[in-house]
């Protein structure tokens, strides 16, 4: 069975909960893992950028990965984020982090340095050769400063051990080019919650999602309906989420989703610098949205 089949649906780019002293809150992380799995997500993505991986040290990453395997306990697959803008350091991480129980590695394009397409190709080629598990590319030019172009993606898709992409460029024309020419077993998942519905309608295999952290039942239900061709049902759910998408990303990710999760009583509203919680005005808008629209599966809006 290909990775495209195994990871069809909703993956949650799970946040890393912190205590007020900025240490990792493993009790909250366990609660969040259970909340997501019990409410329908198909897989967990640990230590993505939504998980604040740039501010988590190597020892903490090792503990988080092992803890996630233990608490997931085989119920769903686990993808682990391993990326950066120093190719050799990423390769070292691939050798040192506990990755044997991961189904795949999610690796963001190098940020800040703005490499050429040739540099991006060679970066991913080196990572794929070193990775103990299949590699999922992650294109998010709004954060990294450089787009991984469709021609480069399709070239990489032909390499051994590169199995898919999380596409978050927001360019629908590029998405359709990738979908038209990809190999049959190449996973293409959306990395943009607000575009997930139309992108699935174009042929994407699901979404690696932020909103699934706090609204897993609704969002994974929307994704499944869309994948199964029930587009009117998917649209009806998606329409209820449009305001939430805006609230999640208007100031910062993951500050937005941590505001939602705090109001649901699942985590403390704590982030590590340089990221800070959303403004009090936005925090109250999030609370009002949740009170107005839903109490999610017994989680109290506080």
C-alpha atoms as a PDB file:
ATOM      1  CA  UNK A   1       0.000   0.000   0.000  1.00  0.00           C
ATOM      2  CA  UNK A   2       1.444   3.381  -1.023  1.00  0.00           C
ATOM      3  CA  UNK A   3       1.898   6.346   1.293  1.00  0.00           C
ATOM      4  CA  UNK A   4      -0.727   8.107  -0.814  1.00  0.00           C
ATOM      5  CA  UNK A   5      -3.261   5.499   0.294  1.00  0.00           C
ATOM      6  CA  UNK A   6      -2.105   5.326   3.918  1.00  0.00           C
ATOM      7  CA  UNK A   7      -2.214   9.101   4.440  1.00  0.00           C
ATOM      8  CA  UNK A   8      -5.428   9.867   2.575  1.00  0.00           C
ATOM      9  CA  UNK A   9      -7.585  12.207   4.646  1.00  0.00           C
ATOM     10  CA  UNK A  10      -6.787  14.563   7.517  1.00  0.00           C
ATOM     11  CA  UNK A  11      -3.448  14.810   9.238  1.00  0.00           C
ATOM     12  CA  UNK A  12      -3.264  17.138  12.225  1.00  0.00           C
ATOM     13  CA  UNK A  13      -0.139  19.300  12.523  1.00  0.00           C
ATOM     14  CA  UNK A  14      -0.316  18.972  16.264  1.00  0.00           C
ATOM     15  CA  UNK A  15       0.699  21.841  18.539  1.00  0.00           C
ATOM     16  CA  UNK A  16       3.213  21.448  21.352  1.00  0.00           C
ATOM     17  CA  UNK A  17       1.510  22.447  24.622  1.00  0.00           C
ATOM     18  CA  UNK A  18       3.631  24.315  27.170  1.00  0.00           C
ATOM     19  CA  UNK A  19       3.185  24.970  30.862  1.00  0.00           C
ATOM     20  CA  UNK A  20       3.387  28.483  32.277  1.00  0.00           C
ATOM     21  CA  UNK A  21       7.119  27.963  32.898  1.00  0.00           C
ATOM     22  CA  UNK A  22       7.526  27.137  29.152  1.00  0.00           C
ATOM     23  CA  UNK A  23       8.313  23.465  29.794  1.00  0.00           C
ATOM     24  CA  UNK A  24       6.488  20.900  27.663  1.00  0.00           C
ATOM     25  CA  UNK A  25       3.093  19.913  29.026  1.00  0.00           C
ATOM     26  CA  UNK A  26       2.984  16.187  28.301  1.00  0.00           C
ATOM     27  CA  UNK A  27      -0.345  15.700  30.076  1.00  0.00           C
ATOM     28  CA  UNK A  28      -1.944  18.238  27.723  1.00  0.00           C
ATOM     29  CA  UNK A  29      -0.209  16.664  24.732  1.00  0.00           C
ATOM     30  CA  UNK A  30      -1.695  13.267  25.607  1.00  0.00           C
ATOM     31  CA  UNK A  31      -5.131  14.850  25.969  1.00  0.00           C
ATOM     32  CA  UNK A  32      -4.754  16.559  22.579  1.00  0.00           C
ATOM     33  CA  UNK A  33      -3.612  13.357  20.842  1.00  0.00           C
ATOM     34  CA  UNK A  34      -6.642  11.483  22.192  1.00  0.00           C
ATOM     35  CA  UNK A  35      -9.008  14.343  21.315  1.00  0.00           C
ATOM     36  CA  UNK A  36      -7.855  14.297  17.699  1.00  0.00           C
ATOM     37  CA  UNK A  37      -7.822  10.539  17.198  1.00  0.00           C
ATOM     38  CA  UNK A  38     -11.192  10.045  18.898  1.00  0.00           C
ATOM     39  CA  UNK A  39     -12.701  12.732  16.670  1.00  0.00           C
ATOM     40  CA  UNK A  40     -11.637  11.356  13.335  1.00  0.00           C
ATOM     41  CA  UNK A  41      -8.214  12.489  12.138  1.00  0.00           C
ATOM     42  CA  UNK A  42      -6.423   9.906  10.015  1.00  0.00           C
ATOM     43  CA  UNK A  43      -2.871  10.654  11.204  1.00  0.00           C
ATOM     44  CA  UNK A  44      -0.737  12.789  13.528  1.00  0.00           C
ATOM     45  CA  UNK A  45       2.041  15.111  12.350  1.00  0.00           C
ATOM     46  CA  UNK A  46       4.457  15.731  15.217  1.00  0.00           C
ATOM     47  CA  UNK A  47       6.992  18.590  15.377  1.00  0.00           C
ATOM     48  CA  UNK A  48       5.856  20.479  12.322  1.00  0.00           C
ATOM     49  CA  UNK A  49       6.235  24.235  12.347  1.00  0.00           C
ATOM     50  CA  UNK A  50       2.777  24.461  13.970  1.00  0.00           C
ATOM     51  CA  UNK A  51       4.380  22.429  16.764  1.00  0.00           C
ATOM     52  CA  UNK A  52       6.885  25.298  17.283  1.00  0.00           C
ATOM     53  CA  UNK A  53       9.750  23.021  16.291  1.00  0.00           C
ATOM     54  CA  UNK A  54      12.235  25.913  15.763  1.00  0.00           C
ATOM     55  CA  UNK A  55      12.152  26.620  19.523  1.00  0.00           C
ATOM     56  CA  UNK A  56      12.357  22.997  20.681  1.00  0.00           C
ATOM     57  CA  UNK A  57      15.793  21.531  21.347  1.00  0.00           C
ATOM     58  CA  UNK A  58      17.053  18.126  20.226  1.00  0.00           C
ATOM     59  CA  UNK A  59      16.538  16.424  23.583  1.00  0.00           C
ATOM     60  CA  UNK A  60      12.967  17.725  23.805  1.00  0.00           C
ATOM     61  CA  UNK A  61      12.257  16.604  20.231  1.00  0.00           C
ATOM     62  CA  UNK A  62      13.411  13.091  21.070  1.00  0.00           C
ATOM     63  CA  UNK A  63      11.124  12.979  24.109  1.00  0.00           C
ATOM     64  CA  UNK A  64       8.145  14.388  22.188  1.00  0.00           C
ATOM     65  CA  UNK A  65       8.532  11.896  19.343  1.00  0.00           C
ATOM     66  CA  UNK A  66       8.799   8.894  21.669  1.00  0.00           C
ATOM     67  CA  UNK A  67       5.913  10.151  23.817  1.00  0.00           C
ATOM     68  CA  UNK A  68       3.751  10.590  20.707  1.00  0.00           C
ATOM     69  CA  UNK A  69       4.460   7.047  19.496  1.00  0.00           C
ATOM     70  CA  UNK A  70       3.606   5.711  22.949  1.00  0.00           C
ATOM     71  CA  UNK A  71       0.331   7.598  23.315  1.00  0.00           C
ATOM     72  CA  UNK A  72      -0.820   7.073  19.726  1.00  0.00           C
ATOM     73  CA  UNK A  73      -0.101   3.372  20.296  1.00  0.00           C
ATOM     74  CA  UNK A  74      -0.601   2.369  16.682  1.00  0.00           C
ATOM     75  CA  UNK A  75      -4.120   3.810  16.425  1.00  0.00           C
ATOM     76  CA  UNK A  76      -3.114   6.056  13.503  1.00  0.00           C
ATOM     77  CA  UNK A  77       0.136   6.682  11.591  1.00  0.00           C
ATOM     78  CA  UNK A  78       2.633   9.270  12.865  1.00  0.00           C
ATOM     79  CA  UNK A  79       4.557  11.645  10.575  1.00  0.00           C
ATOM     80  CA  UNK A  80       7.524  13.520  12.080  1.00  0.00           C
ATOM     81  CA  UNK A  81       8.712  16.951  10.977  1.00  0.00           C
ATOM     82  CA  UNK A  82      12.446  17.210  10.305  1.00  0.00           C
ATOM     83  CA  UNK A  83      13.483  20.264   8.310  1.00  0.00           C
ATOM     84  CA  UNK A  84      15.642  23.373   8.232  1.00  0.00           C
ATOM     85  CA  UNK A  85      17.870  25.562   6.104  1.00  0.00           C
ATOM     86  CA  UNK A  86      21.122  23.726   6.894  1.00  0.00           C
ATOM     87  CA  UNK A  87      21.072  20.573   4.784  1.00  0.00           C
ATOM     88  CA  UNK A  88      23.827  18.819   6.726  1.00  0.00           C
ATOM     89  CA  UNK A  89      22.147  19.545  10.064  1.00  0.00           C
ATOM     90  CA  UNK A  90      18.866  18.108   8.770  1.00  0.00           C
ATOM     91  CA  UNK A  91      20.756  14.970   7.718  1.00  0.00           C
ATOM     92  CA  UNK A  92      22.297  14.737  11.190  1.00  0.00           C
ATOM     93  CA  UNK A  93      18.834  15.042  12.759  1.00  0.00           C
ATOM     94  CA  UNK A  94      17.558  12.267  10.484  1.00  0.00           C
ATOM     95  CA  UNK A  95      20.296  10.001  11.839  1.00  0.00           C
ATOM     96  CA  UNK A  96      19.852  10.934  15.508  1.00  0.00           C
ATOM     97  CA  UNK A  97      16.109  11.352  16.073  1.00  0.00           C
ATOM     98  CA  UNK A  98      13.956   8.254  16.790  1.00  0.00           C
ATOM     99  CA  UNK A  99      12.236   7.882  13.409  1.00  0.00           C
ATOM    100  CA  UNK A 100      11.876   4.134  12.890  1.00  0.00           C
ATOM    101  CA  UNK A 101       8.225   4.147  14.020  1.00  0.00           C
ATOM    102  CA  UNK A 102       7.262   7.115  11.831  1.00  0.00           C
ATOM    103  CA  UNK A 103       5.430   6.414   8.591  1.00  0.00           C
ATOM    104  CA  UNK A 104       7.116   9.399   6.900  1.00  0.00           C
ATOM    105  CA  UNK A 105       9.230  12.522   7.382  1.00  0.00           C
ATOM    106  CA  UNK A 106       7.749  15.962   6.641  1.00  0.00           C
ATOM    107  CA  UNK A 107      10.494  18.387   5.635  1.00  0.00           C
ATOM    108  CA  UNK A 108       9.883  22.088   5.062  1.00  0.00           C
ATOM    109  CA  UNK A 109      11.751  23.919   2.296  1.00  0.00           C
ATOM    110  CA  UNK A 110      14.828  25.826   3.506  1.00  0.00           C
ATOM    111  CA  UNK A 111      13.860  29.260   4.796  1.00  0.00           C
ATOM    112  CA  UNK A 112      15.578  32.668   4.693  1.00  0.00           C
ATOM    113  CA  UNK A 113      18.496  31.682   2.437  1.00  0.00           C
ATOM    114  CA  UNK A 114      16.239  31.598  -0.667  1.00  0.00           C
ATOM    115  CA  UNK A 115      18.081  28.855  -2.596  1.00  0.00           C
ATOM    116  CA  UNK A 116      17.630  28.422  -6.340  1.00  0.00           C
ATOM    117  CA  UNK A 117      15.442  25.627  -7.690  1.00  0.00           C
ATOM    118  CA  UNK A 118      18.621  23.627  -8.246  1.00  0.00           C
ATOM    119  CA  UNK A 119      19.594  24.199  -4.620  1.00  0.00           C
ATOM    120  CA  UNK A 120      16.154  23.088  -3.451  1.00  0.00           C
ATOM    121  CA  UNK A 121      16.348  19.981  -5.636  1.00  0.00           C
ATOM    122  CA  UNK A 122      19.784  19.012  -4.315  1.00  0.00           C
ATOM    123  CA  UNK A 123      18.727  19.754  -0.712  1.00  0.00           C
ATOM    124  CA  UNK A 124      15.803  17.347  -0.946  1.00  0.00           C
ATOM    125  CA  UNK A 125      17.797  14.769  -2.900  1.00  0.00           C
ATOM    126  CA  UNK A 126      20.372  14.666  -0.087  1.00  0.00           C
ATOM    127  CA  UNK A 127      17.635  14.415   2.553  1.00  0.00           C
ATOM    128  CA  UNK A 128      15.853  11.615   0.708  1.00  0.00           C
ATOM    129  CA  UNK A 129      19.087   9.637   0.464  1.00  0.00           C
ATOM    130  CA  UNK A 130      19.670   9.991   4.222  1.00  0.00           C
ATOM    131  CA  UNK A 131      16.101   9.591   5.491  1.00  0.00           C
ATOM    132  CA  UNK A 132      15.131   6.288   7.138  1.00  0.00           C
ATOM    133  CA  UNK A 133      11.503   6.807   6.056  1.00  0.00           C
ATOM    134  CA  UNK A 134       9.794   8.283   2.972  1.00  0.00           C
ATOM    135  CA  UNK A 135      10.017  12.070   2.670  1.00  0.00           C
ATOM    136  CA  UNK A 136       7.065  14.416   2.220  1.00  0.00           C
ATOM    137  CA  UNK A 137       8.096  17.787   0.798  1.00  0.00           C
ATOM    138  CA  UNK A 138       6.568  20.874   2.409  1.00  0.00           C
ATOM    139  CA  UNK A 139       6.164  23.975   0.264  1.00  0.00           C
ATOM    140  CA  UNK A 140       5.085  27.092   2.169  1.00  0.00           C
ATOM    141  CA  UNK A 141       6.629  30.134   0.422  1.00  0.00           C
ATOM    142  CA  UNK A 142       4.730  32.633   2.556  1.00  0.00           C
ATOM    143  CA  UNK A 143       6.898  31.517   5.480  1.00  0.00           C
ATOM    144  CA  UNK A 144      10.119  30.420   3.783  1.00  0.00           C
ATOM    145  CA  UNK A 145      10.506  33.144   1.166  1.00  0.00           C
ATOM    146  CA  UNK A 146      10.971  30.765  -1.763  1.00  0.00           C
ATOM    147  CA  UNK A 147       8.443  28.779  -3.800  1.00  0.00           C
ATOM    148  CA  UNK A 148       9.223  25.161  -4.657  1.00  0.00           C
ATOM    149  CA  UNK A 149       8.060  25.303  -8.257  1.00  0.00           C
ATOM    150  CA  UNK A 150       5.888  22.639  -9.861  1.00  0.00           C
ATOM    151  CA  UNK A 151       8.644  21.570 -12.259  1.00  0.00           C
ATOM    152  CA  UNK A 152      11.018  21.013  -9.333  1.00  0.00           C
ATOM    153  CA  UNK A 153       8.341  19.153  -7.351  1.00  0.00           C
ATOM    154  CA  UNK A 154       7.658  16.820 -10.288  1.00  0.00           C
ATOM    155  CA  UNK A 155      11.373  16.244 -10.766  1.00  0.00           C
ATOM    156  CA  UNK A 156      11.721  15.372  -7.084  1.00  0.00           C
ATOM    157  CA  UNK A 157       8.669  13.098  -7.269  1.00  0.00           C
ATOM    158  CA  UNK A 158      10.631  10.760  -9.523  1.00  0.00           C
ATOM    159  CA  UNK A 159      13.397  10.243  -6.937  1.00  0.00           C
ATOM    160  CA  UNK A 160      13.475   7.217  -4.636  1.00  0.00           C
ATOM    161  CA  UNK A 161      12.173   7.899  -1.123  1.00  0.00           C
ATOM    162  CA  UNK A 162      10.318  11.110  -1.983  1.00  0.00           C
ATOM    163  CA  UNK A 163       6.692  10.118  -1.574  1.00  0.00           C
ATOM    164  CA  UNK A 164       4.583  13.264  -1.504  1.00  0.00           C
ATOM    165  CA  UNK A 165       4.127  16.943  -0.803  1.00  0.00           C
ATOM    166  CA  UNK A 166       2.269  19.192   1.600  1.00  0.00           C
ATOM    167  CA  UNK A 167       1.459  22.060  -0.751  1.00  0.00           C
ATOM    168  CA  UNK A 168       0.748  25.374   0.974  1.00  0.00           C
ATOM    169  CA  UNK A 169       1.717  27.856  -1.714  1.00  0.00           C
ATOM    170  CA  UNK A 170      -1.821  29.056  -2.312  1.00  0.00           C
ATOM    171  CA  UNK A 171      -1.339  28.973  -6.105  1.00  0.00           C
ATOM    172  CA  UNK A 172      -4.191  26.918  -7.542  1.00  0.00           C
ATOM    173  CA  UNK A 173      -2.614  26.848 -11.013  1.00  0.00           C
ATOM    174  CA  UNK A 174       0.560  25.322  -9.551  1.00  0.00           C
ATOM    175  CA  UNK A 175      -1.541  22.812  -7.600  1.00  0.00           C
ATOM    176  CA  UNK A 176      -3.322  21.689 -10.751  1.00  0.00           C
ATOM    177  CA  UNK A 177      -0.019  21.290 -12.603  1.00  0.00           C
ATOM    178  CA  UNK A 178       1.287  19.041  -9.819  1.00  0.00           C
ATOM    179  CA  UNK A 179      -1.921  17.009  -9.776  1.00  0.00           C
ATOM    180  CA  UNK A 180      -1.968  16.610 -13.561  1.00  0.00           C
ATOM    181  CA  UNK A 181       1.569  15.276 -13.881  1.00  0.00           C
ATOM    182  CA  UNK A 182       2.354  13.579 -10.547  1.00  0.00           C
ATOM    183  CA  UNK A 183       3.242   9.878 -10.433  1.00  0.00           C
ATOM    184  CA  UNK A 184       0.254   7.706  -9.482  1.00  0.00           C
ATOM    185  CA  UNK A 185       1.633   6.888  -6.019  1.00  0.00           C
ATOM    186  CA  UNK A 186       2.723  10.461  -5.150  1.00  0.00           C
ATOM    187  CA  UNK A 187       0.766  11.958  -2.216  1.00  0.00           C
ATOM    188  CA  UNK A 188      -0.440  15.539  -2.671  1.00  0.00           C
ATOM    189  CA  UNK A 189      -1.971  17.034   0.481  1.00  0.00           C
ATOM    190  CA  UNK A 190      -3.114  20.580   1.038  1.00  0.00           C
ATOM    191  CA  UNK A 191      -1.317  22.588   3.674  1.00  0.00           C
ATOM    192  CA  UNK A 192      -3.905  25.353   3.707  1.00  0.00           C
ATOM    193  CA  UNK A 193      -7.080  24.753   5.740  1.00  0.00           C
ATOM    194  CA  UNK A 194      -9.059  27.465   3.963  1.00  0.00           C
ATOM    195  CA  UNK A 195      -8.235  26.028   0.516  1.00  0.00           C
ATOM    196  CA  UNK A 196      -8.504  22.366   1.478  1.00  0.00           C
ATOM    197  CA  UNK A 197     -12.048  21.907   0.162  1.00  0.00           C
ATOM    198  CA  UNK A 198     -11.467  23.278  -3.367  1.00  0.00           C
ATOM    199  CA  UNK A 199      -8.057  21.615  -3.581  1.00  0.00           C
ATOM    200  CA  UNK A 200      -9.547  18.205  -2.776  1.00  0.00           C
ATOM    201  CA  UNK A 201     -12.150  18.893  -5.458  1.00  0.00           C
ATOM    202  CA  UNK A 202      -9.202  19.370  -7.847  1.00  0.00           C
ATOM    203  CA  UNK A 203      -7.734  15.996  -6.825  1.00  0.00           C
ATOM    204  CA  UNK A 204      -5.674  16.436  -3.661  1.00  0.00           C
ATOM    205  CA  UNK A 205      -5.555  13.524  -1.203  1.00  0.00           C
ATOM    206  CA  UNK A 206      -6.473  15.441   1.957  1.00  0.00           C
ATOM    207  CA  UNK A 207      -5.127  18.143   4.246  1.00  0.00           C
ATOM    208  CA  UNK A 208      -2.336  18.412   6.786  1.00  0.00           C
ATOM    209  CA  UNK A 209      -4.306  20.741   8.999  1.00  0.00           C
ATOM    210  CA  UNK A 210      -4.000  23.319  11.758  1.00  0.00           C
ATOM    211  CA  UNK A 211      -7.721  23.657  12.498  1.00  0.00           C
ATOM    212  CA  UNK A 212      -7.959  19.896  13.090  1.00  0.00           C
ATOM    213  CA  UNK A 213      -6.227  20.515  16.441  1.00  0.00           C
ATOM    214  CA  UNK A 214      -9.324  22.239  17.801  1.00  0.00           C
ATOM    215  CA  UNK A 215     -12.101  21.117  15.431  1.00  0.00           C
ATOM    216  CA  UNK A 216     -11.106  17.590  14.413  1.00  0.00           C
ATOM    217  CA  UNK A 217     -14.614  16.176  14.079  1.00  0.00           C
ATOM    218  CA  UNK A 218     -15.898  18.950  11.836  1.00  0.00           C
ATOM    219  CA  UNK A 219     -12.817  19.349   9.673  1.00  0.00           C
ATOM    220  CA  UNK A 220     -12.043  15.652   9.159  1.00  0.00           C
ATOM    221  CA  UNK A 221     -15.733  15.129   8.345  1.00  0.00           C
ATOM    222  CA  UNK A 222     -15.537  17.851   5.708  1.00  0.00           C
ATOM    223  CA  UNK A 223     -12.415  16.255   4.216  1.00  0.00           C
ATOM    224  CA  UNK A 224     -13.942  12.768   4.096  1.00  0.00           C
ATOM    225  CA  UNK A 225     -17.101  14.064   2.439  1.00  0.00           C
ATOM    226  CA  UNK A 226     -15.036  15.895  -0.178  1.00  0.00           C
ATOM    227  CA  UNK A 227     -12.802  12.879  -0.855  1.00  0.00           C
ATOM    228  CA  UNK A 228     -15.849  10.656  -1.281  1.00  0.00           C
ATOM    229  CA  UNK A 229     -17.458  13.049  -3.768  1.00  0.00           C
ATOM    230  CA  UNK A 230     -20.180  14.402  -1.469  1.00  0.00           C
ATOM    231  CA  UNK A 231     -19.272  17.964  -2.326  1.00  0.00           C
ATOM    232  CA  UNK A 232     -22.515  19.593  -1.179  1.00  0.00           C
ATOM    233  CA  UNK A 233     -22.162  17.970   2.249  1.00  0.00           C
ATOM    234  CA  UNK A 234     -18.499  18.994   2.388  1.00  0.00           C
ATOM    235  CA  UNK A 235     -19.378  22.573   1.428  1.00  0.00           C
ATOM    236  CA  UNK A 236     -22.049  22.773   4.097  1.00  0.00           C
ATOM    237  CA  UNK A 237     -19.490  21.884   6.768  1.00  0.00           C
ATOM    238  CA  UNK A 238     -16.788  24.068   5.242  1.00  0.00           C
ATOM    239  CA  UNK A 239     -19.094  27.089   5.220  1.00  0.00           C
ATOM    240  CA  UNK A 240     -19.419  26.834   9.017  1.00  0.00           C
ATOM    241  CA  UNK A 241     -15.623  26.911   9.318  1.00  0.00           C
ATOM    242  CA  UNK A 242     -14.878  29.969   7.164  1.00  0.00           C
ATOM    243  CA  UNK A 243     -14.812  32.403  10.092  1.00  0.00           C
ATOM    244  CA  UNK A 244     -12.652  30.017  12.117  1.00  0.00           C
ATOM    245  CA  UNK A 245     -10.055  29.822   9.319  1.00  0.00           C
ATOM    246  CA  UNK A 246      -9.763  33.595   9.379  1.00  0.00           C
ATOM    247  CA  UNK A 247      -9.481  33.783  13.164  1.00  0.00           C
ATOM    248  CA  UNK A 248      -6.803  31.089  13.244  1.00  0.00           C
ATOM    249  CA  UNK A 249      -4.382  32.885  10.951  1.00  0.00           C
ATOM    250  CA  UNK A 250      -5.146  36.605  11.191  1.00  0.00           C
ATOM    251  CA  UNK A 251      -2.339  37.278  13.690  1.00  0.00           C
ATOM    252  CA  UNK A 252      -0.104  34.207  13.881  1.00  0.00           C
ATOM    253  CA  UNK A 253       0.031  30.431  13.637  1.00  0.00           C
ATOM    254  CA  UNK A 254       0.157  28.616  16.064  1.00  0.00           C
ATOM    255  CA  UNK A 255      -0.922  31.493  18.339  1.00  0.00           C
ATOM    256  CA  UNK A 256      -4.397  31.402  16.791  1.00  0.00           C
ATOM    257  CA  UNK A 257      -4.989  27.700  17.278  1.00  0.00           C
ATOM    258  CA  UNK A 258      -3.581  27.837  20.802  1.00  0.00           C
ATOM    259  CA  UNK A 259      -6.192  30.488  21.581  1.00  0.00           C
ATOM    260  CA  UNK A 260      -8.921  28.096  20.378  1.00  0.00           C
ATOM    261  CA  UNK A 261      -7.471  25.198  22.371  1.00  0.00           C
ATOM    262  CA  UNK A 262      -7.198  27.320  25.507  1.00  0.00           C
ATOM    263  CA  UNK A 263     -10.885  28.243  25.332  1.00  0.00           C
ATOM    264  CA  UNK A 264     -11.673  24.546  24.905  1.00  0.00           C
ATOM    265  CA  UNK A 265      -9.768  23.765  28.102  1.00  0.00           C
ATOM    266  CA  UNK A 266      -7.229  21.521  26.378  1.00  0.00           C
ATOM    267  CA  UNK A 267      -3.994  23.508  26.843  1.00  0.00           C
ATOM    268  CA  UNK A 268      -2.498  26.594  28.495  1.00  0.00           C
ATOM    269  CA  UNK A 269      -2.231  29.670  26.253  1.00  0.00           C
ATOM    270  CA  UNK A 270       1.584  29.617  26.276  1.00  0.00           C
ATOM    271  CA  UNK A 271       4.035  29.952  23.349  1.00  0.00           C
ATOM    272  CA  UNK A 272       7.807  30.236  23.256  1.00  0.00           C
ATOM    273  CA  UNK A 273       9.400  33.465  22.062  1.00  0.00           C
ATOM    274  CA  UNK A 274       9.585  34.977  19.567  1.00  0.00           C
ATOM    275  CA  UNK A 275       5.948  33.870  19.178  1.00  0.00           C
ATOM    276  CA  UNK A 276       3.474  35.353  21.646  1.00  0.00           C
ATOM    277  CA  UNK A 277      -0.242  34.742  22.300  1.00  0.00           C
ATOM    278  CA  UNK A 278      -2.793  36.557  20.172  1.00  0.00           C
ATOM    279  CA  UNK A 279      -4.104  39.933  21.288  1.00  0.00           C
ATOM    280  CA  UNK A 280      -6.789  39.990  23.934  1.00  0.00           C
ATOM    281  CA  UNK A 281      -9.259  41.358  21.372  1.00  0.00           C
ATOM    282  CA  UNK A 282      -8.718  38.375  19.073  1.00  0.00           C
ATOM    283  CA  UNK A 283      -8.732  35.963  22.018  1.00  0.00           C
ATOM    284  CA  UNK A 284     -12.230  37.213  22.899  1.00  0.00           C
ATOM    285  CA  UNK A 285     -13.387  36.910  19.271  1.00  0.00           C
ATOM    286  CA  UNK A 286     -12.295  33.275  19.336  1.00  0.00           C
ATOM    287  CA  UNK A 287     -14.236  32.710  22.551  1.00  0.00           C
ATOM    288  CA  UNK A 288     -17.328  34.332  21.061  1.00  0.00           C
ATOM    289  CA  UNK A 289     -17.054  32.221  17.905  1.00  0.00           C
ATOM    290  CA  UNK A 290     -16.877  29.000  19.916  1.00  0.00           C
ATOM    291  CA  UNK A 291     -19.731  29.981  22.207  1.00  0.00           C
ATOM    292  CA  UNK A 292     -21.878  31.034  19.247  1.00  0.00           C
ATOM    293  CA  UNK A 293     -21.298  28.023  17.049  1.00  0.00           C
ATOM    294  CA  UNK A 294     -20.591  24.951  19.128  1.00  0.00           C
ATOM    295  CA  UNK A 295     -19.381  23.130  22.177  1.00  0.00           C
ATOM    296  CA  UNK A 296     -17.054  20.581  20.666  1.00  0.00           C
ATOM    297  CA  UNK A 297     -17.703  17.042  21.870  1.00  0.00           C
ATOM    298  CA  UNK A 298     -17.968  17.896  25.539  1.00  0.00           C
ATOM    299  CA  UNK A 299     -15.022  20.329  25.637  1.00  0.00           C
ATOM    300  CA  UNK A 300     -16.164  23.363  27.620  1.00  0.00           C
ATOM    301  CA  UNK A 301     -15.590  26.838  26.221  1.00  0.00           C
ATOM    302  CA  UNK A 302     -14.023  28.784  29.055  1.00  0.00           C
END
